[in-house]
Amino acid sequence: MTKNYIVKELINEMKERIPPGQNLANYLTDTLYMGKEAVYRRLRGEVAFTFDEVAVISHNLGISIDQIIGNHLSNRVTFDVNLLRSPNLYESYHEIVERYLRIFNSMKGDSVTEVYSATNTIPFTFYSAYEYLSKFRLCRWIYQNGKVKTPNSLSDMHVPDKIAASHKKLSEGLKKAGKTYFIWDGNVFSSFVKEIKYFAGLNLISTSDVMYLKNELQQLLIDLEHLSVKGEYSEGHELYIYLSNIDFEATYTYVANKDYQISLFRIYSINSMDSQSPQICEIQKSWIQSLRRHSTLISGSGEAQRITFIEKQRSIIETL
């Protein structure tokens, strides 16, 4: 009973997610590199999908195996911690960014997509298109892993073209959501500035790097102010920015559209632990929404609080 249920659920999920106009059997033939008869035997339940086959399907179509298996198992949820698969740190980093891109790409053309995020640091999607800020993020991640010697200057750090391109796509991807809700605690800029000072004190970044980072943070703050005044991205996509009166112990994110939902918890600096479990997603969404009760909206309203916040962040950046 359980086996048939899982196969049926897997097939239903695949049918919903394959590209429009494609036949499922043809899609699996091309994706799994196997004959059509072998595919049909799996679809009829005569032969079981192998673990590797399910992994490929899950990766390509964004299907949560946790959701399929866990729907009929009470009080059990599996999280994906997205462990590094490549021994090359740059390749691993690119895999992580590309995974985030796949999540945001699911939003394209879907006006009902919503993003909720409660964060205690500046969201990377806000500054991923900035050259030195994104370099600094990559630099400190490499340093934490301790496998590659971090350059003494970000100016000398070569970022592979595909990573730089992914950074820009990530910045644009967030703006595709119909509605985006950010709840920030009061330390989002100060924690970032503190890290810059720490790395400069270790001589892992140069004095000129600090000036470049300072300039980009100032420009980021200007961009943030413009966005918060408008209360939207371009094309009318709504943006709500809240300032929390309490600090967060972690960063929580929830993304959902009409066909897909996922909850993410930031871990290991740039990675995430995530789940597509409906139960977890509902808890995550409710938790983030509850934090708004302790927060003040500064986008599109709350002008006095917004001005105070911007001026405070500007003074923090000036300490660099």
Protein backbone atom coordinates (compact mmCIF):
# COMPACT_ATOMS: atom_id res chain seq x y z
CA MET A 1 0.00 0.00 0.00
CA THR A 2 2.75 2.42 1.01
CA LYS A 3 4.85 1.63 -2.07
CA ASN A 4 1.95 2.19 -4.47
CA TYR A 5 1.03 5.40 -2.67
CA ILE A 6 4.54 6.82 -3.00
CA VAL A 7 4.78 5.95 -6.71
CA LYS A 8 1.37 7.48 -7.36
CA GLU A 9 2.30 10.67 -5.50
CA LEU A 10 5.63 10.89 -7.34
CA ILE A 11 3.91 10.53 -10.73
CA ASN A 12 1.32 13.17 -9.82
CA GLU A 13 4.05 15.61 -8.78
CA MET A 14 5.99 14.97 -12.00
CA LYS A 15 2.92 15.59 -14.15
CA GLU A 16 2.36 18.94 -12.44
CA ARG A 17 5.94 20.11 -12.86
CA ILE A 18 7.13 18.98 -16.30
CA PRO A 19 7.31 21.76 -18.91
CA PRO A 20 3.90 22.60 -20.46
CA GLY A 21 3.02 20.52 -23.49
CA GLN A 22 5.47 17.72 -22.70
CA ASN A 23 4.53 14.08 -22.29
CA LEU A 24 5.74 12.58 -18.99
CA ALA A 25 7.07 9.38 -20.59
CA ASN A 26 9.03 11.38 -23.18
CA TYR A 27 10.37 13.70 -20.49
CA LEU A 28 11.61 10.81 -18.35
CA THR A 29 13.11 9.07 -21.39
CA ASP A 30 15.24 12.14 -22.08
CA THR A 31 15.98 12.95 -18.44
CA LEU A 32 16.89 9.44 -17.25
CA TYR A 33 18.53 8.35 -20.54
CA MET A 34 16.55 5.11 -20.72
CA GLY A 35 14.27 3.38 -23.20
CA LYS A 36 10.61 4.25 -23.33
CA GLU A 37 9.47 0.76 -22.36
CA ALA A 38 11.63 0.89 -19.22
CA VAL A 39 10.00 4.22 -18.38
CA TYR A 40 6.50 2.81 -18.88
CA ARG A 41 7.27 -0.14 -16.58
CA ARG A 42 8.17 2.35 -13.85
CA LEU A 43 5.07 4.46 -14.47
CA ARG A 44 2.89 1.34 -14.25
CA GLY A 45 4.56 0.36 -10.97
CA GLU A 46 5.99 -2.88 -12.38
CA VAL A 47 9.57 -1.73 -11.74
CA ALA A 48 10.60 0.58 -8.90
CA PHE A 49 12.37 3.86 -9.56
CA THR A 50 15.94 3.59 -8.25
CA PHE A 51 17.22 6.02 -5.63
CA ASP A 52 19.47 7.69 -8.24
CA GLU A 53 16.54 8.10 -10.64
CA VAL A 54 14.37 9.68 -7.96
CA ALA A 55 17.26 11.99 -7.02
CA VAL A 56 17.62 13.18 -10.64
CA ILE A 57 13.86 13.73 -10.97
CA SER A 58 13.71 15.56 -7.64
CA HIS A 59 16.65 17.81 -8.58
CA ASN A 60 15.38 18.69 -12.07
CA LEU A 61 11.75 19.28 -11.16
CA GLY A 62 12.11 20.59 -7.62
CA ILE A 63 10.01 17.81 -6.12
CA SER A 64 10.16 17.31 -2.36
CA ILE A 65 10.62 13.61 -1.63
CA ASP A 66 10.08 14.52 2.02
CA GLN A 67 6.59 15.75 1.17
CA ILE A 68 5.75 12.63 -0.84
CA ILE A 69 6.93 10.20 1.83
CA GLY A 70 6.00 12.28 4.85
CA ASN A 71 2.39 12.98 3.88
CA HIS A 72 1.31 9.67 5.35
CA LEU A 73 3.79 9.55 8.25
CA SER A 74 2.69 11.59 11.25
CA ASN A 75 5.12 13.79 13.19
CA ARG A 76 8.01 13.13 10.81
CA VAL A 77 9.64 15.74 8.59
CA THR A 78 12.95 15.54 6.73
CA PHE A 79 15.08 18.62 6.13
CA ASP A 80 17.58 19.02 3.30
CA VAL A 81 20.82 20.55 4.61
CA ASN A 82 22.27 20.91 1.09
CA LEU A 83 25.72 19.61 1.90
CA LEU A 84 28.58 20.52 -0.40
CA ARG A 85 29.08 18.03 -3.20
CA SER A 86 32.17 19.35 -4.97
CA PRO A 87 35.70 19.34 -3.51
CA ASN A 88 36.23 22.69 -5.25
CA LEU A 89 34.94 25.51 -3.04
CA TYR A 90 34.06 27.77 -5.95
CA GLU A 91 32.03 24.97 -7.55
CA SER A 92 30.29 24.26 -4.24
CA TYR A 93 29.51 27.93 -3.78
CA HIS A 94 28.11 28.12 -7.31
CA GLU A 95 25.91 25.07 -6.62
CA ILE A 96 24.47 26.81 -3.56
CA VAL A 97 23.72 30.05 -5.44
CA GLU A 98 22.22 28.13 -8.37
CA ARG A 99 19.90 26.31 -5.99
CA TYR A 100 18.59 29.63 -4.69
CA LEU A 101 18.16 30.74 -8.30
CA ARG A 102 16.01 27.70 -9.06
CA ILE A 103 13.75 28.67 -6.17
CA PHE A 104 13.36 32.23 -7.42
CA ASN A 105 12.97 31.11 -11.02
CA SER A 106 9.82 29.31 -9.94
CA MET A 107 8.32 32.78 -9.36
CA LYS A 108 8.62 34.00 -12.93
CA GLY A 109 5.30 34.98 -14.38
CA ASP A 110 3.49 34.09 -11.15
CA SER A 111 1.97 37.22 -9.64
CA VAL A 112 0.74 35.34 -6.55
CA THR A 113 4.26 34.42 -5.41
CA GLU A 114 5.04 35.61 -1.88
CA VAL A 115 8.38 35.81 -0.09
CA TYR A 116 8.59 36.24 3.68
CA SER A 117 11.96 36.70 5.37
CA ALA A 118 12.93 37.61 8.92
CA THR A 119 16.65 38.25 9.04
CA ASN A 120 19.39 39.42 11.40
CA THR A 121 21.80 40.34 8.61
CA ILE A 122 21.51 42.14 5.27
CA PRO A 123 19.84 39.71 2.84
CA PHE A 124 22.33 38.64 0.19
CA THR A 125 19.66 39.09 -2.49
CA PHE A 126 19.82 42.81 -1.67
CA TYR A 127 23.52 43.18 -2.41
CA SER A 128 24.47 40.22 -4.62
CA ALA A 129 24.85 42.49 -7.66
CA TYR A 130 27.45 44.69 -5.89
CA GLU A 131 30.97 43.65 -6.86
CA TYR A 132 32.86 44.14 -3.59
CA LEU A 133 30.04 43.27 -1.20
CA SER A 134 29.46 39.95 -2.98
CA LYS A 135 33.22 39.33 -3.14
CA PHE A 136 33.46 39.91 0.59
CA ARG A 137 30.69 37.39 1.22
CA LEU A 138 32.51 34.79 -0.88
CA CYS A 139 35.85 35.69 0.71
CA ARG A 140 34.72 35.15 4.29
CA TRP A 141 32.96 31.89 3.36
CA ILE A 142 36.20 30.57 1.81
CA TYR A 143 38.09 31.68 4.89
CA GLN A 144 35.66 29.89 7.20
CA ASN A 145 36.07 26.67 5.23
CA GLY A 146 39.83 27.06 5.46
CA LYS A 147 40.53 25.17 2.24
CA VAL A 148 41.63 28.03 0.02
CA LYS A 149 44.01 30.82 0.94
CA THR A 150 42.03 34.03 1.07
CA PRO A 151 43.70 36.86 -0.89
CA ASN A 152 44.97 39.89 1.01
CA SER A 153 42.94 42.10 -1.32
CA LEU A 154 39.48 41.67 -2.77
CA SER A 155 40.77 43.55 -5.80
CA ASP A 156 43.05 40.59 -6.55
CA MET A 157 40.32 38.02 -5.97
CA HIS A 158 39.12 36.46 -9.21
CA VAL A 159 35.48 35.46 -9.13
CA PRO A 160 34.57 33.01 -11.92
CA ASP A 161 32.29 34.56 -14.54
CA LYS A 162 29.51 32.06 -13.90
CA ILE A 163 29.42 33.01 -10.20
CA ALA A 164 29.32 36.74 -11.01
CA ALA A 165 26.49 36.10 -13.48
CA SER A 166 24.58 34.06 -10.89
CA HIS A 167 24.96 36.87 -8.36
CA LYS A 168 23.29 39.34 -10.72
CA LYS A 169 20.53 36.88 -11.61
CA LEU A 170 19.86 36.30 -7.92
CA SER A 171 19.43 40.02 -7.32
CA GLU A 172 16.93 40.24 -10.16
CA GLY A 173 15.18 37.00 -9.22
CA LEU A 174 13.91 38.29 -5.89
CA LYS A 175 12.18 41.19 -7.63
CA LYS A 176 9.94 38.79 -9.57
CA ALA A 177 7.79 37.91 -6.56
CA GLY A 178 4.33 39.46 -6.43
CA LYS A 179 4.83 40.41 -2.78
CA THR A 180 7.98 40.44 -0.66
CA TYR A 181 7.96 40.92 3.12
CA PHE A 182 11.23 41.66 4.93
CA ILE A 183 11.44 41.90 8.71
CA TRP A 184 14.85 43.11 9.86
CA ASP A 185 16.22 43.37 13.35
CA GLY A 186 18.23 46.45 14.29
CA ASN A 187 21.63 44.82 13.73
CA VAL A 188 21.47 44.14 9.99
CA PHE A 189 24.04 46.78 9.03
CA SER A 190 26.07 46.88 12.23
CA SER A 191 26.79 43.14 12.08
CA PHE A 192 27.99 43.48 8.48
CA VAL A 193 30.22 46.45 9.33
CA LYS A 194 31.61 44.55 12.31
CA GLU A 195 32.64 41.68 10.04
CA ILE A 196 34.39 44.06 7.64
CA LYS A 197 36.37 45.58 10.51
CA TYR A 198 37.28 42.12 11.81
CA PHE A 199 38.61 40.93 8.44
CA ALA A 200 40.49 44.20 7.95
CA GLY A 201 42.06 43.74 11.39
CA LEU A 202 43.32 40.31 10.31
CA ASN A 203 44.78 41.87 7.12
CA LEU A 204 42.61 39.57 5.05
CA ILE A 205 41.25 42.56 3.16
CA SER A 206 43.11 45.75 2.33
CA THR A 207 42.45 49.37 3.31
CA SER A 208 41.31 50.12 -0.23
CA ASP A 209 38.93 47.13 -0.03
CA VAL A 210 37.34 48.68 3.06
CA MET A 211 36.80 51.94 1.17
CA TYR A 212 35.19 50.10 -1.76
CA LEU A 213 32.96 48.19 0.66
CA LYS A 214 32.03 51.41 2.44
CA ASN A 215 31.09 53.08 -0.85
CA GLU A 216 28.94 50.13 -1.91
CA LEU A 217 27.22 50.00 1.49
CA GLN A 218 26.41 53.69 1.16
CA GLN A 219 24.95 53.09 -2.31
CA LEU A 220 23.03 50.09 -0.99
CA LEU A 221 21.52 52.29 1.70
CA ILE A 222 20.48 54.86 -0.93
CA ASP A 223 18.86 52.11 -3.00
CA LEU A 224 17.13 50.76 0.09
CA GLU A 225 15.77 54.20 0.93
CA HIS A 226 14.34 54.63 -2.58
CA LEU A 227 12.72 51.19 -2.45
CA SER A 228 11.25 51.75 0.99
CA VAL A 229 9.75 55.10 -0.06
CA LYS A 230 8.11 53.51 -3.13
CA GLY A 231 7.08 50.32 -1.35
CA GLU A 232 7.61 48.31 -4.51
CA TYR A 233 10.11 46.99 -7.01
CA SER A 234 9.74 47.81 -10.68
CA GLU A 235 6.71 46.43 -12.54
CA GLY A 236 4.53 46.97 -9.47
CA HIS A 237 5.86 44.06 -7.40
CA GLU A 238 5.06 44.98 -3.81
CA LEU A 239 7.78 45.34 -1.16
CA TYR A 240 7.12 45.55 2.58
CA ILE A 241 10.03 46.29 4.91
CA TYR A 242 9.52 46.05 8.67
CA LEU A 243 11.90 46.98 11.48
CA SER A 244 11.70 44.64 14.44
CA ASN A 245 11.87 45.81 18.03
CA ILE A 246 13.36 42.47 19.04
CA ASP A 247 16.47 40.66 17.81
CA PHE A 248 16.35 37.37 15.88
CA GLU A 249 18.45 34.34 16.74
CA ALA A 250 18.37 33.12 13.11
CA THR A 251 17.20 33.98 9.60
CA TYR A 252 13.88 32.51 8.49
CA THR A 253 12.51 32.53 4.93
CA TYR A 254 9.32 31.26 3.35
CA VAL A 255 8.61 31.23 -0.40
CA ALA A 256 5.34 30.15 -1.98
CA ASN A 257 3.41 30.35 -5.23
CA LYS A 258 0.36 28.48 -6.48
CA ASP A 259 2.31 25.25 -7.14
CA TYR A 260 5.29 25.37 -4.78
CA GLN A 261 6.31 26.29 -1.25
CA ILE A 262 9.53 26.01 0.73
CA SER A 263 10.86 27.09 4.11
CA LEU A 264 14.53 27.91 4.61
CA PHE A 265 16.71 28.39 7.70
CA ARG A 266 20.14 29.94 7.11
CA ILE A 267 23.04 27.78 8.35
CA TYR A 268 26.79 27.53 7.73
CA SER A 269 27.04 31.20 6.71
CA ILE A 270 25.58 31.04 3.19
CA ASN A 271 23.82 27.70 3.09
CA SER A 272 20.32 26.75 4.14
CA MET A 273 18.41 23.93 5.73
CA ASP A 274 15.04 23.69 4.03
CA SER A 275 11.82 21.76 3.84
CA GLN A 276 8.83 21.63 1.50
CA SER A 277 6.68 19.97 4.14
CA PRO A 278 3.25 21.70 4.22
CA GLN A 279 3.30 21.48 8.02
CA ILE A 280 6.71 23.14 8.35
CA CYS A 281 5.86 25.76 5.73
CA GLU A 282 2.68 26.73 7.57
CA ILE A 283 4.58 27.00 10.86
CA GLN A 284 7.32 29.06 9.20
CA LYS A 285 4.88 31.44 7.54
CA SER A 286 2.89 31.89 10.75
CA TRP A 287 6.07 32.51 12.78
CA ILE A 288 7.36 35.19 10.41
CA GLN A 289 3.94 36.84 10.24
CA SER A 290 3.77 36.87 14.05
CA LEU A 291 7.05 38.79 14.17
CA ARG A 292 5.34 41.67 12.41
CA ARG A 293 3.44 42.35 15.65
CA HIS A 294 6.76 43.43 17.16
CA SER A 295 7.76 45.44 14.09
CA THR A 296 7.18 48.79 12.38
CA LEU A 297 6.45 49.08 8.65
CA ILE A 298 8.82 51.61 7.04
CA SER A 299 8.10 50.99 3.35
CA GLY A 300 5.38 53.16 1.85
CA SER A 301 4.64 54.55 5.33
CA GLY A 302 6.32 55.09 8.69
CA GLU A 303 8.33 58.01 7.33
CA ALA A 304 9.68 59.17 10.70
CA GLN A 305 10.86 55.68 11.66
CA ARG A 306 12.34 55.16 8.19
CA ILE A 307 14.35 58.39 8.34
CA THR A 308 15.64 57.51 11.81
CA PHE A 309 16.64 54.01 10.66
CA ILE A 310 18.41 55.26 7.51
CA GLU A 311 20.34 57.90 9.44
CA LYS A 312 21.40 55.36 12.06
CA GLN A 313 22.66 52.95 9.37
CA ARG A 314 24.49 55.78 7.62
CA SER A 315 26.33 56.65 10.84
CA ILE A 316 27.25 52.98 11.32
CA ILE A 317 28.70 52.78 7.80
CA GLU A 318 30.67 55.99 8.42
CA THR A 319 32.67 54.21 11.13
CA LEU A 320 34.50 52.22 8.46
